[in-house]
């Protein structure tokens, strides 16, 4: 999840938030947060969801190599399909869908 670690740091710094403040908002210590931001630890679904709330962004924007809108911006309304994407974009699209599914399942289970 190299993209996640890179995006997380960029989003945090872009908002002007300190490591301490984001870690505190997550309910973890700075060392645990640094593990997320350096890519040594993968986030749980709940952590992704919470980070998206704290940083005022979306889960796909946290995990994607490219902004979601960039993946589909060249498509006319109603013309987007996964088959129209190149291999890299397909992988990103699949990751976005998998994470959205995990979030929905977690919400359904009350996790």
Protein backbone atom coordinates (compact mmCIF):
# COMPACT_ATOMS: atom_id res chain seq x y z
CA UNK A 1 0.00 0.00 0.00
CA UNK A 2 2.67 2.44 -1.04
CA UNK A 3 0.08 4.77 -2.51
CA UNK A 4 -1.81 4.79 0.78
CA UNK A 5 1.25 5.76 2.84
CA UNK A 6 2.20 8.49 0.37
CA UNK A 7 -1.37 9.82 0.13
CA UNK A 8 -1.86 9.74 3.89
CA UNK A 9 1.17 11.90 4.53
CA UNK A 10 0.30 14.30 1.71
CA UNK A 11 -3.31 14.68 2.90
CA UNK A 12 -2.21 15.21 6.53
CA UNK A 13 0.42 17.78 5.58
CA UNK A 14 -1.98 19.45 3.14
CA UNK A 15 -4.43 20.00 5.95
CA UNK A 16 -1.66 21.27 8.22
CA UNK A 17 -2.30 18.53 10.78
CA UNK A 18 0.47 17.17 12.97
CA UNK A 19 1.18 13.47 13.40
CA UNK A 20 0.21 13.90 17.05
CA UNK A 21 -3.21 15.36 16.26
CA UNK A 22 -4.14 12.71 13.69
CA UNK A 23 -2.87 9.89 15.89
CA UNK A 24 -4.86 11.27 18.81
CA UNK A 25 -8.01 11.53 16.68
CA UNK A 26 -7.54 7.87 15.71
CA UNK A 27 -6.99 6.85 19.32
CA UNK A 28 -3.49 5.49 18.67
CA UNK A 29 -0.01 6.66 19.61
CA UNK A 30 2.38 8.48 17.29
CA UNK A 31 4.50 5.38 16.73
CA UNK A 32 1.49 3.40 15.53
CA UNK A 33 0.48 6.27 13.27
CA UNK A 34 3.99 6.54 11.83
CA UNK A 35 3.79 2.85 10.93
CA UNK A 36 0.74 3.67 8.77
CA UNK A 37 2.37 6.70 7.17
CA UNK A 38 5.58 4.84 6.36
CA UNK A 39 3.76 1.81 4.96
CA UNK A 40 5.02 -0.64 7.57
CA UNK A 41 1.45 -1.40 8.66
CA UNK A 42 -1.67 -1.72 6.52
CA UNK A 43 -4.75 0.06 7.86
CA UNK A 44 -7.89 -1.75 8.87
CA UNK A 45 -11.14 -0.88 7.15
CA UNK A 46 -12.24 1.07 10.22
CA UNK A 47 -8.96 3.00 10.25
CA UNK A 48 -9.36 3.87 6.57
CA UNK A 49 -12.87 5.08 7.18
CA UNK A 50 -11.85 7.13 10.22
CA UNK A 51 -8.84 8.64 8.41
CA UNK A 52 -11.06 9.69 5.51
CA UNK A 53 -13.32 11.48 8.01
CA UNK A 54 -10.44 13.14 9.88
CA UNK A 55 -8.73 14.30 6.68
CA UNK A 56 -11.98 15.24 4.89
CA UNK A 57 -11.31 12.96 1.94
CA UNK A 58 -12.51 9.60 0.65
CA UNK A 59 -11.16 6.10 1.16
CA UNK A 60 -10.51 5.70 -2.58
CA UNK A 61 -8.50 8.93 -2.60
CA UNK A 62 -6.42 7.60 0.30
CA UNK A 63 -5.60 4.28 -1.35
CA UNK A 64 -5.50 5.09 -5.04
CA UNK A 65 -2.40 5.82 -7.11
CA UNK A 66 -4.48 8.37 -8.99
CA UNK A 67 -7.54 10.42 -8.05
CA UNK A 68 -10.73 8.52 -8.79
CA UNK A 69 -12.08 11.34 -10.94
CA UNK A 70 -8.95 11.15 -13.11
CA UNK A 71 -9.74 7.52 -13.89
CA UNK A 72 -13.09 8.36 -15.41
CA UNK A 73 -12.80 12.03 -16.39
CA UNK A 74 -12.20 11.27 -20.06
CA UNK A 75 -15.40 9.22 -20.32
CA UNK A 76 -18.71 10.66 -21.45
CA UNK A 77 -21.63 10.33 -19.07
CA UNK A 78 -22.93 6.77 -19.09
CA UNK A 79 -19.92 5.53 -21.05
CA UNK A 80 -17.66 4.45 -18.17
CA UNK A 81 -16.92 0.75 -17.85
CA UNK A 82 -14.10 -1.16 -16.20
CA UNK A 83 -13.28 -2.72 -19.56
CA UNK A 84 -12.39 0.71 -20.94
CA UNK A 85 -9.54 1.14 -18.44
CA UNK A 86 -5.90 0.23 -18.94
CA UNK A 87 -4.37 -2.46 -16.69
CA UNK A 88 -3.04 -0.06 -14.05
CA UNK A 89 -6.36 1.76 -13.83
CA UNK A 90 -8.22 -1.56 -13.64
CA UNK A 91 -6.11 -2.55 -10.62
CA UNK A 92 -6.87 0.78 -8.96
CA UNK A 93 -10.57 0.46 -9.76
CA UNK A 94 -10.63 -3.05 -8.27
CA UNK A 95 -8.91 -1.82 -5.09
CA UNK A 96 -11.48 0.95 -4.76
CA UNK A 97 -14.37 -1.49 -5.18
CA UNK A 98 -12.84 -4.00 -2.74
CA UNK A 99 -12.42 -1.33 -0.07
CA UNK A 100 -15.91 0.01 -0.62
CA UNK A 101 -17.26 -3.53 -0.24
CA UNK A 102 -15.26 -4.02 2.98
CA UNK A 103 -16.69 -0.76 4.35
CA UNK A 104 -20.23 -1.78 3.49
CA UNK A 105 -19.79 -5.21 5.05
CA UNK A 106 -18.25 -3.70 8.18
CA UNK A 107 -21.17 -1.26 8.50
CA UNK A 108 -23.66 -4.07 8.00
CA UNK A 109 -21.98 -6.14 10.74
CA UNK A 110 -21.80 -3.07 13.00
CA UNK A 111 -18.02 -3.15 13.20
